[in-house]
Amino acid sequence: QVQLVESGGGLVQPGGSLRLSCTVSINMFSLVYMGWYRRTPGKSARELVASIFSGGQPNYADSVKGRFTISTDDSENTINLQMSNLKPEDTDVYYCNVLYHRTKYWGRGTQVTVSS
């Protein structure tokens, strides 16, 4: 079992920045895939925001390229998402996701609201 806990969400004005963190309950060296997704309440599908395979290059949704950066901190066991130049359409619940031993795990999400 893997537990994921997201943090760092909140209310920010358009053009502002936020840094989301996902704390992972196991050693991250064993993770194959790590990603951030988002979903608007009431919608069933989560949208991929950013992802990275172990040892690979990050992948970003077109809507966030140049504004968001995914990174990992193995010493802190965190998967981070630095978000800059935020727009109202970035408002969503953001979820952390990992693949471990062929099983996907999700966190409970953290709310990001971009509004003036």
N, C-alpha and C. Protein backbone atom coordinates (compact mmCIF):
# COMPACT_ATOMS: atom_id res chain seq x y z
N GLN A 1 0.82 -1.20 0.00
CA GLN A 1 0.00 0.00 0.00
C GLN A 1 0.86 1.25 0.00
N VAL A 2 0.40 2.23 -0.73
CA VAL A 2 1.10 3.51 -0.80
C VAL A 2 0.12 4.61 -0.40
N GLN A 3 0.50 5.45 0.53
CA GLN A 3 -0.30 6.61 0.89
C GLN A 3 0.30 7.87 0.29
N LEU A 4 -0.57 8.69 -0.27
CA LEU A 4 -0.16 9.95 -0.87
C LEU A 4 -0.95 11.07 -0.20
N VAL A 5 -0.24 12.10 0.22
CA VAL A 5 -0.91 13.24 0.85
C VAL A 5 -0.46 14.52 0.16
N GLU A 6 -1.45 15.19 -0.48
CA GLU A 6 -1.15 16.44 -1.17
C GLU A 6 -1.27 17.62 -0.22
N SER A 7 -0.50 18.66 -0.50
CA SER A 7 -0.57 19.89 0.28
C SER A 7 -0.16 21.06 -0.60
N GLY A 8 -0.44 22.26 -0.11
CA GLY A 8 0.02 23.45 -0.82
C GLY A 8 -1.04 24.18 -1.62
N GLY A 9 -2.23 23.62 -1.69
CA GLY A 9 -3.29 24.29 -2.43
C GLY A 9 -3.79 25.53 -1.70
N GLY A 10 -4.63 26.31 -2.38
CA GLY A 10 -5.18 27.50 -1.76
C GLY A 10 -5.74 28.45 -2.78
N LEU A 11 -5.98 29.67 -2.32
CA LEU A 11 -6.52 30.73 -3.17
C LEU A 11 -5.39 31.65 -3.60
N VAL A 12 -5.33 31.93 -4.89
CA VAL A 12 -4.28 32.80 -5.42
C VAL A 12 -4.88 33.67 -6.52
N GLN A 13 -4.33 34.85 -6.68
CA GLN A 13 -4.81 35.75 -7.73
C GLN A 13 -4.24 35.34 -9.08
N PRO A 14 -4.92 35.68 -10.15
CA PRO A 14 -4.37 35.40 -11.49
C PRO A 14 -2.97 35.99 -11.63
N GLY A 15 -2.09 35.21 -12.22
CA GLY A 15 -0.70 35.62 -12.36
C GLY A 15 0.18 35.18 -11.20
N GLY A 16 -0.43 34.68 -10.16
CA GLY A 16 0.32 34.26 -8.99
C GLY A 16 0.90 32.86 -9.12
N SER A 17 1.53 32.41 -8.03
CA SER A 17 2.20 31.10 -8.03
C SER A 17 1.79 30.30 -6.80
N LEU A 18 1.86 28.98 -6.97
CA LEU A 18 1.66 28.05 -5.86
C LEU A 18 2.59 26.86 -6.07
N ARG A 19 2.96 26.24 -4.97
CA ARG A 19 3.77 25.03 -5.05
C ARG A 19 3.03 23.92 -4.32
N LEU A 20 2.66 22.90 -5.08
CA LEU A 20 2.01 21.74 -4.50
C LEU A 20 3.05 20.67 -4.17
N SER A 21 2.81 19.97 -3.08
CA SER A 21 3.68 18.85 -2.70
C SER A 21 2.84 17.62 -2.45
N CYS A 22 3.38 16.49 -2.80
CA CYS A 22 2.75 15.20 -2.53
C CYS A 22 3.75 14.37 -1.73
N THR A 23 3.40 14.08 -0.50
CA THR A 23 4.26 13.27 0.34
C THR A 23 3.93 11.80 0.15
N VAL A 24 4.94 11.02 -0.16
CA VAL A 24 4.79 9.60 -0.48
C VAL A 24 5.23 8.76 0.71
N SER A 25 4.47 7.71 1.01
CA SER A 25 4.73 6.92 2.22
C SER A 25 5.82 5.87 2.06
N ILE A 26 6.31 5.66 0.84
CA ILE A 26 7.35 4.66 0.63
C ILE A 26 8.57 5.31 -0.03
N ASN A 27 9.65 4.53 -0.10
CA ASN A 27 10.85 4.99 -0.76
C ASN A 27 10.57 5.25 -2.23
N MET A 28 10.86 6.44 -2.70
CA MET A 28 10.49 6.82 -4.05
C MET A 28 11.32 6.15 -5.12
N PHE A 29 12.42 5.53 -4.74
CA PHE A 29 13.24 4.87 -5.74
C PHE A 29 12.50 3.69 -6.38
N SER A 30 11.46 3.20 -5.70
CA SER A 30 10.71 2.07 -6.23
C SER A 30 9.53 2.47 -7.10
N LEU A 31 9.33 3.76 -7.28
CA LEU A 31 8.21 4.24 -8.09
C LEU A 31 8.60 4.29 -9.57
N VAL A 32 7.72 3.81 -10.43
CA VAL A 32 7.97 3.81 -11.87
C VAL A 32 7.45 5.09 -12.51
N TYR A 33 6.31 5.56 -12.02
CA TYR A 33 5.62 6.68 -12.65
C TYR A 33 5.05 7.58 -11.57
N MET A 34 5.16 8.87 -11.79
CA MET A 34 4.62 9.86 -10.85
C MET A 34 3.96 10.97 -11.65
N GLY A 35 2.81 11.43 -11.17
CA GLY A 35 2.12 12.45 -11.92
C GLY A 35 1.19 13.30 -11.09
N TRP A 36 0.81 14.42 -11.66
CA TRP A 36 -0.21 15.31 -11.10
C TRP A 36 -1.35 15.40 -12.10
N TYR A 37 -2.56 15.28 -11.57
CA TYR A 37 -3.78 15.39 -12.37
C TYR A 37 -4.68 16.42 -11.72
N ARG A 38 -5.70 16.83 -12.47
CA ARG A 38 -6.68 17.72 -11.88
C ARG A 38 -8.07 17.36 -12.40
N ARG A 39 -9.06 17.71 -11.60
CA ARG A 39 -10.44 17.41 -11.97
C ARG A 39 -11.35 18.48 -11.40
N THR A 40 -12.23 18.95 -12.25
CA THR A 40 -13.25 19.90 -11.81
C THR A 40 -14.36 19.12 -11.10
N PRO A 41 -14.77 19.56 -9.91
CA PRO A 41 -15.87 18.87 -9.22
C PRO A 41 -17.08 18.69 -10.12
N GLY A 42 -17.65 17.51 -10.12
CA GLY A 42 -18.79 17.20 -10.97
C GLY A 42 -18.40 16.49 -12.25
N LYS A 43 -17.15 16.53 -12.60
CA LYS A 43 -16.66 15.82 -13.78
C LYS A 43 -16.05 14.50 -13.35
N SER A 44 -16.17 13.49 -14.23
CA SER A 44 -15.69 12.16 -13.84
C SER A 44 -14.23 11.94 -14.17
N ALA A 45 -13.72 12.59 -15.21
CA ALA A 45 -12.36 12.31 -15.67
C ALA A 45 -11.36 13.28 -15.08
N ARG A 46 -10.22 12.75 -14.71
CA ARG A 46 -9.11 13.59 -14.28
C ARG A 46 -8.26 13.92 -15.50
N GLU A 47 -7.76 15.13 -15.54
CA GLU A 47 -6.91 15.59 -16.65
C GLU A 47 -5.46 15.52 -16.22
N LEU A 48 -4.61 14.95 -17.07
CA LEU A 48 -3.18 14.92 -16.78
C LEU A 48 -2.63 16.33 -16.85
N VAL A 49 -1.90 16.72 -15.81
CA VAL A 49 -1.25 18.03 -15.77
C VAL A 49 0.24 17.87 -16.09
N ALA A 50 0.89 16.98 -15.35
CA ALA A 50 2.33 16.77 -15.54
C ALA A 50 2.66 15.38 -15.03
N SER A 51 3.66 14.76 -15.66
CA SER A 51 4.04 13.42 -15.23
C SER A 51 5.51 13.19 -15.52
N ILE A 52 6.04 12.18 -14.88
CA ILE A 52 7.43 11.81 -15.12
C ILE A 52 7.61 10.34 -14.81
N PHE A 53 8.32 9.64 -15.69
CA PHE A 53 8.72 8.27 -15.44
C PHE A 53 10.09 8.29 -14.78
N SER A 54 10.34 7.29 -13.97
CA SER A 54 11.62 7.19 -13.29
C SER A 54 12.75 7.24 -14.30
N GLY A 55 13.65 8.19 -14.14
CA GLY A 55 14.77 8.33 -15.05
C GLY A 55 14.45 8.98 -16.37
N GLY A 56 13.19 9.42 -16.55
CA GLY A 56 12.77 10.00 -17.82
C GLY A 56 12.58 11.51 -17.76
N GLN A 57 12.13 12.05 -18.87
CA GLN A 57 11.87 13.48 -18.97
C GLN A 57 10.43 13.78 -18.57
N PRO A 58 10.17 14.94 -18.02
CA PRO A 58 8.80 15.27 -17.64
C PRO A 58 7.92 15.51 -18.87
N ASN A 59 6.65 15.28 -18.67
CA ASN A 59 5.65 15.48 -19.71
C ASN A 59 4.58 16.42 -19.17
N TYR A 60 4.14 17.37 -20.00
CA TYR A 60 3.18 18.37 -19.54
C TYR A 60 2.00 18.48 -20.49
N ALA A 61 0.84 18.79 -19.93
CA ALA A 61 -0.30 19.13 -20.75
C ALA A 61 0.01 20.43 -21.49
N ASP A 62 -0.50 20.56 -22.70
CA ASP A 62 -0.23 21.77 -23.49
C ASP A 62 -0.66 23.04 -22.74
N SER A 63 -1.72 22.93 -21.97
CA SER A 63 -2.28 24.10 -21.30
C SER A 63 -1.38 24.63 -20.18
N VAL A 64 -0.41 23.83 -19.73
CA VAL A 64 0.44 24.27 -18.62
C VAL A 64 1.91 24.37 -18.99
N LYS A 65 2.27 24.01 -20.20
CA LYS A 65 3.67 24.06 -20.61
C LYS A 65 4.23 25.47 -20.46
N GLY A 66 5.42 25.54 -19.88
CA GLY A 66 6.06 26.83 -19.67
C GLY A 66 5.63 27.52 -18.39
N ARG A 67 4.60 26.98 -17.73
CA ARG A 67 4.11 27.60 -16.49
C ARG A 67 4.26 26.68 -15.29
N PHE A 68 4.14 25.37 -15.50
CA PHE A 68 4.21 24.40 -14.42
C PHE A 68 5.49 23.57 -14.55
N THR A 69 6.04 23.16 -13.40
CA THR A 69 7.22 22.30 -13.39
C THR A 69 7.04 21.20 -12.36
N ILE A 70 7.20 19.96 -12.80
CA ILE A 70 7.13 18.82 -11.89
C ILE A 70 8.55 18.43 -11.47
N SER A 71 8.70 18.08 -10.21
CA SER A 71 10.02 17.67 -9.72
C SER A 71 9.83 16.69 -8.57
N THR A 72 10.90 16.01 -8.24
CA THR A 72 10.86 15.09 -7.10
C THR A 72 11.99 15.40 -6.13
N ASP A 73 11.75 15.11 -4.88
CA ASP A 73 12.77 15.28 -3.85
C ASP A 73 12.86 13.95 -3.11
N ASP A 74 13.86 13.15 -3.47
CA ASP A 74 13.96 11.82 -2.88
C ASP A 74 14.29 11.88 -1.39
N SER A 75 14.97 12.90 -0.95
CA SER A 75 15.33 13.00 0.47
C SER A 75 14.10 13.31 1.33
N GLU A 76 13.14 14.03 0.74
CA GLU A 76 11.91 14.38 1.46
C GLU A 76 10.75 13.46 1.10
N ASN A 77 10.95 12.59 0.12
CA ASN A 77 9.88 11.72 -0.38
C ASN A 77 8.68 12.53 -0.87
N THR A 78 8.95 13.52 -1.69
CA THR A 78 7.87 14.34 -2.21
C THR A 78 7.93 14.46 -3.73
N ILE A 79 6.76 14.62 -4.30
CA ILE A 79 6.60 14.95 -5.72
C ILE A 79 5.99 16.34 -5.74
N ASN A 80 6.68 17.27 -6.39
CA ASN A 80 6.27 18.66 -6.31
C ASN A 80 5.78 19.18 -7.66
N LEU A 81 4.89 20.15 -7.58
CA LEU A 81 4.40 20.81 -8.79
C LEU A 81 4.47 22.32 -8.54
N GLN A 82 5.42 22.96 -9.17
CA GLN A 82 5.55 24.41 -9.09
C GLN A 82 4.67 25.02 -10.18
N MET A 83 3.75 25.87 -9.77
CA MET A 83 2.80 26.46 -10.71
C MET A 83 2.98 27.98 -10.73
N SER A 84 3.21 28.52 -11.89
CA SER A 84 3.42 29.96 -12.03
C SER A 84 2.45 30.53 -13.06
N ASN A 85 2.30 31.85 -13.03
CA ASN A 85 1.41 32.54 -13.95
C ASN A 85 0.04 31.84 -14.00
N LEU A 86 -0.52 31.62 -12.85
CA LEU A 86 -1.77 30.88 -12.75
C LEU A 86 -2.92 31.65 -13.37
N LYS A 87 -3.84 30.90 -13.98
CA LYS A 87 -5.00 31.46 -14.65
C LYS A 87 -6.27 30.94 -14.00
N PRO A 88 -7.38 31.66 -14.12
CA PRO A 88 -8.64 31.17 -13.54
C PRO A 88 -9.00 29.76 -14.01
N GLU A 89 -8.65 29.43 -15.24
CA GLU A 89 -8.98 28.08 -15.74
C GLU A 89 -8.12 26.99 -15.11
N ASP A 90 -7.13 27.36 -14.31
CA ASP A 90 -6.35 26.36 -13.56
C ASP A 90 -7.07 25.95 -12.28
N THR A 91 -8.17 26.61 -11.96
CA THR A 91 -8.93 26.26 -10.77
C THR A 91 -9.45 24.83 -10.86
N ASP A 92 -9.09 24.03 -9.88
CA ASP A 92 -9.45 22.61 -9.90
C ASP A 92 -8.98 21.96 -8.60
N VAL A 93 -9.35 20.71 -8.44
CA VAL A 93 -8.76 19.88 -7.39
C VAL A 93 -7.60 19.12 -8.03
N TYR A 94 -6.44 19.21 -7.42
CA TYR A 94 -5.23 18.60 -7.97
C TYR A 94 -4.90 17.33 -7.18
N TYR A 95 -4.61 16.28 -7.93
CA TYR A 95 -4.37 14.97 -7.35
C TYR A 95 -2.98 14.45 -7.73
N CYS A 96 -2.34 13.81 -6.77
CA CYS A 96 -1.08 13.14 -6.98
C CYS A 96 -1.36 11.68 -7.35
N ASN A 97 -0.56 11.14 -8.24
CA ASN A 97 -0.75 9.76 -8.69
C ASN A 97 0.60 9.10 -8.90
N VAL A 98 0.71 7.84 -8.45
CA VAL A 98 1.94 7.09 -8.68
C VAL A 98 1.59 5.67 -9.12
N LEU A 99 2.54 5.05 -9.79
CA LEU A 99 2.44 3.65 -10.18
C LEU A 99 3.48 2.85 -9.41
N TYR A 100 3.00 1.86 -8.67
CA TYR A 100 3.90 1.07 -7.83
C TYR A 100 3.47 -0.38 -7.93
N HIS A 101 4.40 -1.23 -8.37
CA HIS A 101 4.10 -2.66 -8.53
C HIS A 101 2.80 -2.86 -9.31
N ARG A 102 2.70 -2.16 -10.45
CA ARG A 102 1.59 -2.29 -11.39
C ARG A 102 0.26 -1.81 -10.84
N THR A 103 0.27 -1.11 -9.75
CA THR A 103 -0.96 -0.57 -9.17
C THR A 103 -0.87 0.95 -9.11
N LYS A 104 -1.97 1.63 -9.52
CA LYS A 104 -2.01 3.08 -9.42
C LYS A 104 -2.58 3.50 -8.07
N TYR A 105 -1.97 4.49 -7.48
CA TYR A 105 -2.44 5.04 -6.21
C TYR A 105 -2.71 6.53 -6.38
N TRP A 106 -3.74 6.99 -5.67
CA TRP A 106 -4.16 8.39 -5.74
C TRP A 106 -4.20 9.01 -4.34
N GLY A 107 -3.88 10.29 -4.29
CA GLY A 107 -4.11 11.04 -3.08
C GLY A 107 -5.55 11.54 -3.05
N ARG A 108 -5.90 12.28 -2.00
CA ARG A 108 -7.26 12.78 -1.86
C ARG A 108 -7.46 14.13 -2.52
N GLY A 109 -6.38 14.76 -2.93
CA GLY A 109 -6.49 16.00 -3.66
C GLY A 109 -6.33 17.24 -2.81
N THR A 110 -5.96 18.32 -3.48
CA THR A 110 -5.86 19.62 -2.83
C THR A 110 -6.47 20.67 -3.77
N GLN A 111 -7.26 21.56 -3.20
CA GLN A 111 -7.99 22.53 -4.01
C GLN A 111 -7.10 23.71 -4.36
N VAL A 112 -7.11 24.06 -5.63
CA VAL A 112 -6.44 25.27 -6.12
C VAL A 112 -7.51 26.17 -6.72
N THR A 113 -7.58 27.39 -6.23
CA THR A 113 -8.55 28.36 -6.75
C THR A 113 -7.80 29.61 -7.20
N VAL A 114 -8.00 29.97 -8.45
CA VAL A 114 -7.37 31.16 -9.01
C VAL A 114 -8.46 32.19 -9.29
N SER A 115 -8.44 33.24 -8.50
CA SER A 115 -9.52 34.23 -8.62
C SER A 115 -9.06 35.56 -8.04
N SER A 116 -9.57 36.63 -8.62
CA SER A 116 -9.27 37.96 -8.09
C SER A 116 -10.35 38.39 -7.09
